[in-house]
Amino acid sequence: MMVRRVLSKVGLTVQGRGIDVEAIFDTGATRSFVNLQLAEKLGYVRYDRPREVLLATKDKKASMVGELIARVTILGYELPLSHVFGVIEALNHDTIIGMDMMEPYEILVDAKEGKVSFKRFPPTIEII
């Protein structure tokens, strides 16, 4: 089976507070997430009630408790738009970068080499 995820360092910045984390770039994830502990360090908007989300693993559900809006730096390049991350309680990793970020910026995941790259550098995004 083809590995669909690769680890890489990314920077997240919320209102001037920045942190470098290890992120999983997961081509099987439709959107991006951060764990609750990281979100609490950076500041996030908590929902009135948690929302249940399905994870890619069989019969696994998670509790999404809020949203974090952050500037994102990948491979030393700050992406031009801020990004919304779902905040997941008990997420095993700091951050999951999903297709909602990989697709528009054409981020390539090389599972064989274990690294990520941009199809074009600097990455651009087309807003239509």
N, C-alpha and C. Protein backbone atom coordinates (compact mmCIF):
# COMPACT_ATOMS: atom_id res chain seq x y z
N MET A 1 0.84 -1.19 0.00
CA MET A 1 0.00 0.00 0.00
C MET A 1 0.88 1.25 0.00
N MET A 2 0.47 2.24 -0.72
CA MET A 2 1.22 3.49 -0.82
C MET A 2 1.01 4.34 0.43
N VAL A 3 2.10 4.79 1.02
CA VAL A 3 2.00 5.68 2.17
C VAL A 3 1.45 7.02 1.70
N ARG A 4 0.47 7.56 2.42
CA ARG A 4 -0.18 8.78 1.99
C ARG A 4 0.17 9.97 2.85
N ARG A 5 1.14 9.82 3.74
CA ARG A 5 1.48 10.95 4.60
C ARG A 5 2.97 11.02 4.89
N VAL A 6 3.42 12.25 5.11
CA VAL A 6 4.84 12.52 5.33
C VAL A 6 4.93 13.59 6.43
N LEU A 7 5.94 13.51 7.27
CA LEU A 7 6.17 14.50 8.32
C LEU A 7 7.09 15.61 7.83
N SER A 8 6.79 16.85 8.25
CA SER A 8 7.65 17.98 7.93
C SER A 8 7.38 19.10 8.93
N LYS A 9 8.39 19.92 9.19
CA LYS A 9 8.20 21.07 10.08
C LYS A 9 7.39 22.16 9.37
N VAL A 10 6.49 22.78 10.11
CA VAL A 10 5.76 23.94 9.61
C VAL A 10 5.71 24.98 10.72
N GLY A 11 5.52 26.23 10.32
CA GLY A 11 5.35 27.30 11.28
C GLY A 11 3.89 27.75 11.29
N LEU A 12 3.34 27.96 12.47
CA LEU A 12 1.99 28.50 12.62
C LEU A 12 2.10 29.80 13.41
N THR A 13 1.43 30.85 12.92
CA THR A 13 1.46 32.14 13.60
C THR A 13 0.04 32.65 13.77
N VAL A 14 -0.30 32.99 15.02
CA VAL A 14 -1.61 33.54 15.34
C VAL A 14 -1.39 34.84 16.09
N GLN A 15 -1.83 35.94 15.53
CA GLN A 15 -1.71 37.27 16.15
C GLN A 15 -0.33 37.52 16.73
N GLY A 16 0.68 37.27 15.92
CA GLY A 16 2.06 37.56 16.32
C GLY A 16 2.74 36.47 17.12
N ARG A 17 1.98 35.50 17.63
CA ARG A 17 2.58 34.38 18.37
C ARG A 17 2.85 33.26 17.38
N GLY A 18 4.12 32.87 17.27
CA GLY A 18 4.48 31.83 16.32
C GLY A 18 5.06 30.61 17.01
N ILE A 19 4.87 29.48 16.37
CA ILE A 19 5.40 28.23 16.90
C ILE A 19 5.74 27.32 15.71
N ASP A 20 6.84 26.58 15.84
CA ASP A 20 7.20 25.59 14.83
C ASP A 20 6.76 24.22 15.34
N VAL A 21 6.10 23.47 14.49
CA VAL A 21 5.59 22.15 14.88
C VAL A 21 5.91 21.13 13.80
N GLU A 22 5.82 19.87 14.18
CA GLU A 22 5.95 18.80 13.20
C GLU A 22 4.55 18.47 12.72
N ALA A 23 4.34 18.55 11.42
CA ALA A 23 3.02 18.31 10.84
C ALA A 23 3.06 17.05 9.99
N ILE A 24 1.92 16.39 9.96
CA ILE A 24 1.74 15.29 9.03
C ILE A 24 1.04 15.86 7.80
N PHE A 25 1.63 15.67 6.65
CA PHE A 25 0.98 16.03 5.39
C PHE A 25 0.26 14.77 4.93
N ASP A 26 -1.06 14.79 5.04
CA ASP A 26 -1.87 13.58 4.84
C ASP A 26 -2.82 13.75 3.65
N THR A 27 -2.50 13.07 2.55
CA THR A 27 -3.32 13.18 1.35
C THR A 27 -4.69 12.52 1.53
N GLY A 28 -4.87 11.77 2.60
CA GLY A 28 -6.16 11.16 2.89
C GLY A 28 -7.07 12.05 3.72
N ALA A 29 -6.55 13.17 4.20
CA ALA A 29 -7.35 14.10 5.02
C ALA A 29 -7.92 15.20 4.14
N THR A 30 -9.23 15.41 4.23
CA THR A 30 -9.85 16.44 3.40
C THR A 30 -9.59 17.84 3.93
N ARG A 31 -9.37 17.97 5.24
CA ARG A 31 -9.05 19.29 5.78
C ARG A 31 -7.94 19.20 6.81
N SER A 32 -7.53 20.35 7.34
CA SER A 32 -6.38 20.42 8.24
C SER A 32 -6.83 20.60 9.68
N PHE A 33 -6.03 20.04 10.61
CA PHE A 33 -6.38 20.06 12.02
C PHE A 33 -5.16 20.34 12.89
N VAL A 34 -5.41 20.84 14.11
CA VAL A 34 -4.38 20.97 15.14
C VAL A 34 -4.92 20.34 16.41
N ASN A 35 -4.00 19.91 17.29
CA ASN A 35 -4.48 19.35 18.55
C ASN A 35 -4.82 20.47 19.54
N LEU A 36 -5.62 20.13 20.52
CA LEU A 36 -6.14 21.10 21.48
C LEU A 36 -5.03 21.81 22.25
N GLN A 37 -3.99 21.08 22.66
CA GLN A 37 -2.90 21.70 23.43
C GLN A 37 -2.21 22.80 22.63
N LEU A 38 -1.96 22.55 21.37
CA LEU A 38 -1.33 23.54 20.50
C LEU A 38 -2.26 24.75 20.32
N ALA A 39 -3.54 24.48 20.09
CA ALA A 39 -4.52 25.56 19.91
C ALA A 39 -4.61 26.44 21.15
N GLU A 40 -4.52 25.83 22.33
CA GLU A 40 -4.57 26.61 23.58
C GLU A 40 -3.34 27.51 23.72
N LYS A 41 -2.18 27.07 23.23
CA LYS A 41 -0.97 27.89 23.27
C LYS A 41 -1.09 29.10 22.35
N LEU A 42 -1.71 28.90 21.17
CA LEU A 42 -1.77 29.96 20.16
C LEU A 42 -3.02 30.83 20.27
N GLY A 43 -4.08 30.28 20.84
CA GLY A 43 -5.35 31.00 20.91
C GLY A 43 -6.26 30.56 19.77
N TYR A 44 -7.51 30.21 20.12
CA TYR A 44 -8.45 29.72 19.11
C TYR A 44 -9.87 30.07 19.54
N VAL A 45 -10.82 29.86 18.64
CA VAL A 45 -12.23 30.10 18.94
C VAL A 45 -12.86 28.77 19.30
N ARG A 46 -13.38 28.68 20.51
CA ARG A 46 -14.01 27.44 20.99
C ARG A 46 -15.49 27.43 20.60
N TYR A 47 -15.97 26.29 20.14
CA TYR A 47 -17.39 26.13 19.82
C TYR A 47 -18.22 26.06 21.10
N ASP A 48 -19.51 26.39 20.99
CA ASP A 48 -20.43 26.22 22.12
C ASP A 48 -20.54 24.75 22.50
N ARG A 49 -20.60 23.89 21.48
CA ARG A 49 -20.66 22.45 21.68
C ARG A 49 -19.66 21.79 20.74
N PRO A 50 -18.97 20.75 21.21
CA PRO A 50 -18.06 20.03 20.31
C PRO A 50 -18.85 19.41 19.15
N ARG A 51 -18.17 19.26 18.02
CA ARG A 51 -18.76 18.63 16.84
C ARG A 51 -18.02 17.34 16.55
N GLU A 52 -18.77 16.31 16.24
CA GLU A 52 -18.17 15.02 15.95
C GLU A 52 -17.71 14.99 14.50
N VAL A 53 -16.48 14.56 14.29
CA VAL A 53 -15.95 14.40 12.93
C VAL A 53 -15.44 12.97 12.78
N LEU A 54 -15.51 12.47 11.57
CA LEU A 54 -15.01 11.13 11.28
C LEU A 54 -13.56 11.20 10.85
N LEU A 55 -12.76 10.30 11.36
CA LEU A 55 -11.36 10.22 10.97
C LEU A 55 -11.20 9.11 9.94
N ALA A 56 -10.08 9.12 9.26
CA ALA A 56 -9.85 8.18 8.16
C ALA A 56 -9.75 6.73 8.62
N THR A 57 -9.44 6.51 9.89
CA THR A 57 -9.33 5.14 10.37
C THR A 57 -10.71 4.56 10.64
N LYS A 58 -10.82 3.29 10.50
CA LYS A 58 -12.11 2.61 10.59
C LYS A 58 -12.83 2.88 11.91
N ASP A 59 -14.05 3.36 11.80
CA ASP A 59 -14.94 3.58 12.94
C ASP A 59 -14.39 4.54 14.00
N LYS A 60 -13.47 5.40 13.63
CA LYS A 60 -12.92 6.35 14.60
C LYS A 60 -13.61 7.69 14.45
N LYS A 61 -14.01 8.25 15.57
CA LYS A 61 -14.62 9.57 15.58
C LYS A 61 -13.80 10.45 16.51
N ALA A 62 -13.81 11.75 16.24
CA ALA A 62 -13.07 12.69 17.07
C ALA A 62 -13.99 13.84 17.43
N SER A 63 -13.60 14.56 18.45
CA SER A 63 -14.36 15.71 18.90
C SER A 63 -13.65 16.99 18.46
N MET A 64 -14.28 17.74 17.53
CA MET A 64 -13.73 19.02 17.10
C MET A 64 -14.34 20.08 18.01
N VAL A 65 -13.48 20.78 18.76
CA VAL A 65 -13.96 21.69 19.80
C VAL A 65 -13.88 23.16 19.40
N GLY A 66 -13.27 23.45 18.23
CA GLY A 66 -13.16 24.84 17.81
C GLY A 66 -12.37 24.99 16.53
N GLU A 67 -12.01 26.24 16.24
CA GLU A 67 -11.23 26.56 15.04
C GLU A 67 -10.08 27.48 15.39
N LEU A 68 -8.96 27.29 14.70
CA LEU A 68 -7.80 28.14 14.85
C LEU A 68 -7.47 28.71 13.47
N ILE A 69 -7.31 30.01 13.40
CA ILE A 69 -6.93 30.66 12.14
C ILE A 69 -5.48 31.10 12.27
N ALA A 70 -4.64 30.60 11.36
CA ALA A 70 -3.20 30.84 11.48
C ALA A 70 -2.57 31.17 10.13
N ARG A 71 -1.49 31.92 10.19
CA ARG A 71 -0.58 32.07 9.05
C ARG A 71 0.25 30.79 9.06
N VAL A 72 0.57 30.26 7.89
CA VAL A 72 1.27 28.99 7.80
C VAL A 72 2.56 29.17 6.99
N THR A 73 3.66 28.66 7.53
CA THR A 73 4.94 28.68 6.83
C THR A 73 5.36 27.25 6.56
N ILE A 74 5.57 26.96 5.27
CA ILE A 74 5.99 25.62 4.84
C ILE A 74 7.26 25.76 4.03
N LEU A 75 8.27 24.97 4.37
CA LEU A 75 9.57 25.01 3.68
C LEU A 75 10.14 26.43 3.65
N GLY A 76 9.94 27.17 4.74
CA GLY A 76 10.48 28.52 4.86
C GLY A 76 9.68 29.59 4.14
N TYR A 77 8.56 29.22 3.53
CA TYR A 77 7.75 30.19 2.78
C TYR A 77 6.40 30.37 3.46
N GLU A 78 6.07 31.63 3.79
CA GLU A 78 4.77 31.91 4.40
C GLU A 78 3.71 31.96 3.30
N LEU A 79 2.70 31.12 3.42
CA LEU A 79 1.63 31.09 2.44
C LEU A 79 0.88 32.42 2.45
N PRO A 80 0.39 32.87 1.29
CA PRO A 80 -0.20 34.21 1.21
C PRO A 80 -1.52 34.40 1.97
N LEU A 81 -2.26 33.32 2.23
CA LEU A 81 -3.53 33.45 2.94
C LEU A 81 -3.48 32.73 4.27
N SER A 82 -4.22 33.25 5.26
CA SER A 82 -4.36 32.53 6.52
C SER A 82 -5.18 31.28 6.28
N HIS A 83 -5.09 30.34 7.19
CA HIS A 83 -5.79 29.07 7.02
C HIS A 83 -6.56 28.69 8.28
N VAL A 84 -7.72 28.09 8.10
CA VAL A 84 -8.56 27.65 9.22
C VAL A 84 -8.28 26.18 9.49
N PHE A 85 -7.91 25.89 10.75
CA PHE A 85 -7.67 24.52 11.20
C PHE A 85 -8.79 24.13 12.16
N GLY A 86 -9.26 22.90 12.05
CA GLY A 86 -10.16 22.37 13.06
C GLY A 86 -9.34 22.01 14.28
N VAL A 87 -9.86 22.28 15.48
CA VAL A 87 -9.16 21.95 16.73
C VAL A 87 -9.76 20.64 17.25
N ILE A 88 -8.92 19.62 17.34
CA ILE A 88 -9.37 18.28 17.72
C ILE A 88 -8.83 17.93 19.10
N GLU A 89 -9.75 17.50 19.95
CA GLU A 89 -9.39 17.02 21.27
C GLU A 89 -8.71 15.66 21.12
N ALA A 90 -7.61 15.45 21.81
CA ALA A 90 -6.90 14.17 21.83
C ALA A 90 -6.34 13.75 20.47
N LEU A 91 -5.99 14.71 19.63
CA LEU A 91 -5.32 14.40 18.36
C LEU A 91 -3.90 13.93 18.68
N ASN A 92 -3.45 12.84 18.06
CA ASN A 92 -2.13 12.28 18.38
C ASN A 92 -0.96 13.11 17.89
N HIS A 93 -1.18 13.99 16.94
CA HIS A 93 -0.11 14.80 16.35
C HIS A 93 -0.41 16.27 16.57
N ASP A 94 0.64 17.11 16.50
CA ASP A 94 0.45 18.55 16.64
C ASP A 94 -0.49 19.08 15.57
N THR A 95 -0.18 18.72 14.32
CA THR A 95 -0.88 19.30 13.18
C THR A 95 -1.01 18.27 12.07
N ILE A 96 -2.16 18.30 11.41
CA ILE A 96 -2.36 17.52 10.18
C ILE A 96 -2.65 18.52 9.07
N ILE A 97 -1.83 18.50 8.04
CA ILE A 97 -2.07 19.33 6.86
C ILE A 97 -2.82 18.45 5.86
N GLY A 98 -4.03 18.87 5.53
CA GLY A 98 -4.87 18.09 4.63
C GLY A 98 -4.92 18.67 3.23
N MET A 99 -5.76 18.06 2.41
CA MET A 99 -5.88 18.46 1.01
C MET A 99 -6.42 19.88 0.84
N ASP A 100 -7.14 20.40 1.83
CA ASP A 100 -7.64 21.77 1.73
C ASP A 100 -6.51 22.78 1.62
N MET A 101 -5.31 22.42 2.08
CA MET A 101 -4.15 23.30 1.94
C MET A 101 -3.20 22.79 0.84
N MET A 102 -3.06 21.49 0.73
CA MET A 102 -2.12 20.94 -0.25
C MET A 102 -2.57 21.18 -1.69
N GLU A 103 -3.86 21.03 -1.94
CA GLU A 103 -4.34 21.16 -3.31
C GLU A 103 -4.19 22.57 -3.89
N PRO A 104 -4.69 23.62 -3.21
CA PRO A 104 -4.58 24.95 -3.83
C PRO A 104 -3.14 25.44 -4.01
N TYR A 105 -2.23 25.02 -3.12
CA TYR A 105 -0.83 25.46 -3.23
C TYR A 105 0.04 24.44 -3.97
N GLU A 106 -0.58 23.39 -4.45
CA GLU A 106 0.13 22.34 -5.19
C GLU A 106 1.35 21.83 -4.42
N ILE A 107 1.08 21.40 -3.18
CA ILE A 107 2.11 20.80 -2.34
C ILE A 107 2.20 19.33 -2.70
N LEU A 108 3.39 18.88 -3.01
CA LEU A 108 3.62 17.50 -3.41
C LEU A 108 4.15 16.71 -2.22
N VAL A 109 3.62 15.51 -2.03
CA VAL A 109 4.05 14.62 -0.96
C VAL A 109 4.79 13.45 -1.59
N ASP A 110 6.08 13.35 -1.28
CA ASP A 110 6.90 12.26 -1.81
C ASP A 110 7.11 11.24 -0.68
N ALA A 111 6.25 10.23 -0.67
CA ALA A 111 6.30 9.23 0.40
C ALA A 111 7.59 8.41 0.35
N LYS A 112 8.09 8.18 -0.84
CA LYS A 112 9.31 7.38 -1.00
C LYS A 112 10.51 8.10 -0.37
N GLU A 113 10.61 9.40 -0.63
CA GLU A 113 11.71 10.20 -0.07
C GLU A 113 11.38 10.74 1.32
N GLY A 114 10.10 10.72 1.69
CA GLY A 114 9.68 11.21 3.00
C GLY A 114 9.74 12.72 3.13
N LYS A 115 9.39 13.43 2.04
CA LYS A 115 9.44 14.89 2.12
C LYS A 115 8.34 15.53 1.29
N VAL A 116 8.14 16.82 1.55
CA VAL A 116 7.16 17.59 0.80
C VAL A 116 7.88 18.65 -0.01
N SER A 117 7.21 19.11 -1.08
CA SER A 117 7.76 20.19 -1.90
C SER A 117 6.59 20.91 -2.57
N PHE A 118 6.89 22.06 -3.13
CA PHE A 118 5.90 22.80 -3.90
C PHE A 118 6.10 22.48 -5.37
N LYS A 119 5.02 22.33 -6.11
CA LYS A 119 5.12 22.12 -7.56
C LYS A 119 5.77 23.34 -8.20
N ARG A 120 5.37 24.54 -7.72
CA ARG A 120 5.96 25.81 -8.18
C ARG A 120 6.46 26.57 -6.96
N PHE A 121 7.59 27.24 -7.09
CA PHE A 121 8.09 28.06 -5.99
C PHE A 121 8.44 29.44 -6.51
N PRO A 122 7.96 30.52 -5.89
CA PRO A 122 7.10 30.46 -4.72
C PRO A 122 5.69 29.99 -5.09
N PRO A 123 5.01 29.36 -4.14
CA PRO A 123 3.67 28.88 -4.42
C PRO A 123 2.72 30.05 -4.64
N THR A 124 1.78 29.87 -5.53
CA THR A 124 0.78 30.89 -5.78
C THR A 124 -0.58 30.26 -5.60
N ILE A 125 -1.58 31.09 -5.39
CA ILE A 125 -2.94 30.58 -5.29
C ILE A 125 -3.81 31.44 -6.20
N GLU A 126 -4.67 30.78 -6.93
CA GLU A 126 -5.57 31.49 -7.83
C GLU A 126 -6.91 31.69 -7.12
N ILE A 127 -7.30 32.93 -6.98
CA ILE A 127 -8.58 33.24 -6.32
C ILE A 127 -9.56 33.63 -7.41
N ILE A 128 -10.60 32.84 -7.52
CA ILE A 128 -11.59 33.12 -8.57
C ILE A 128 -12.97 33.34 -7.98
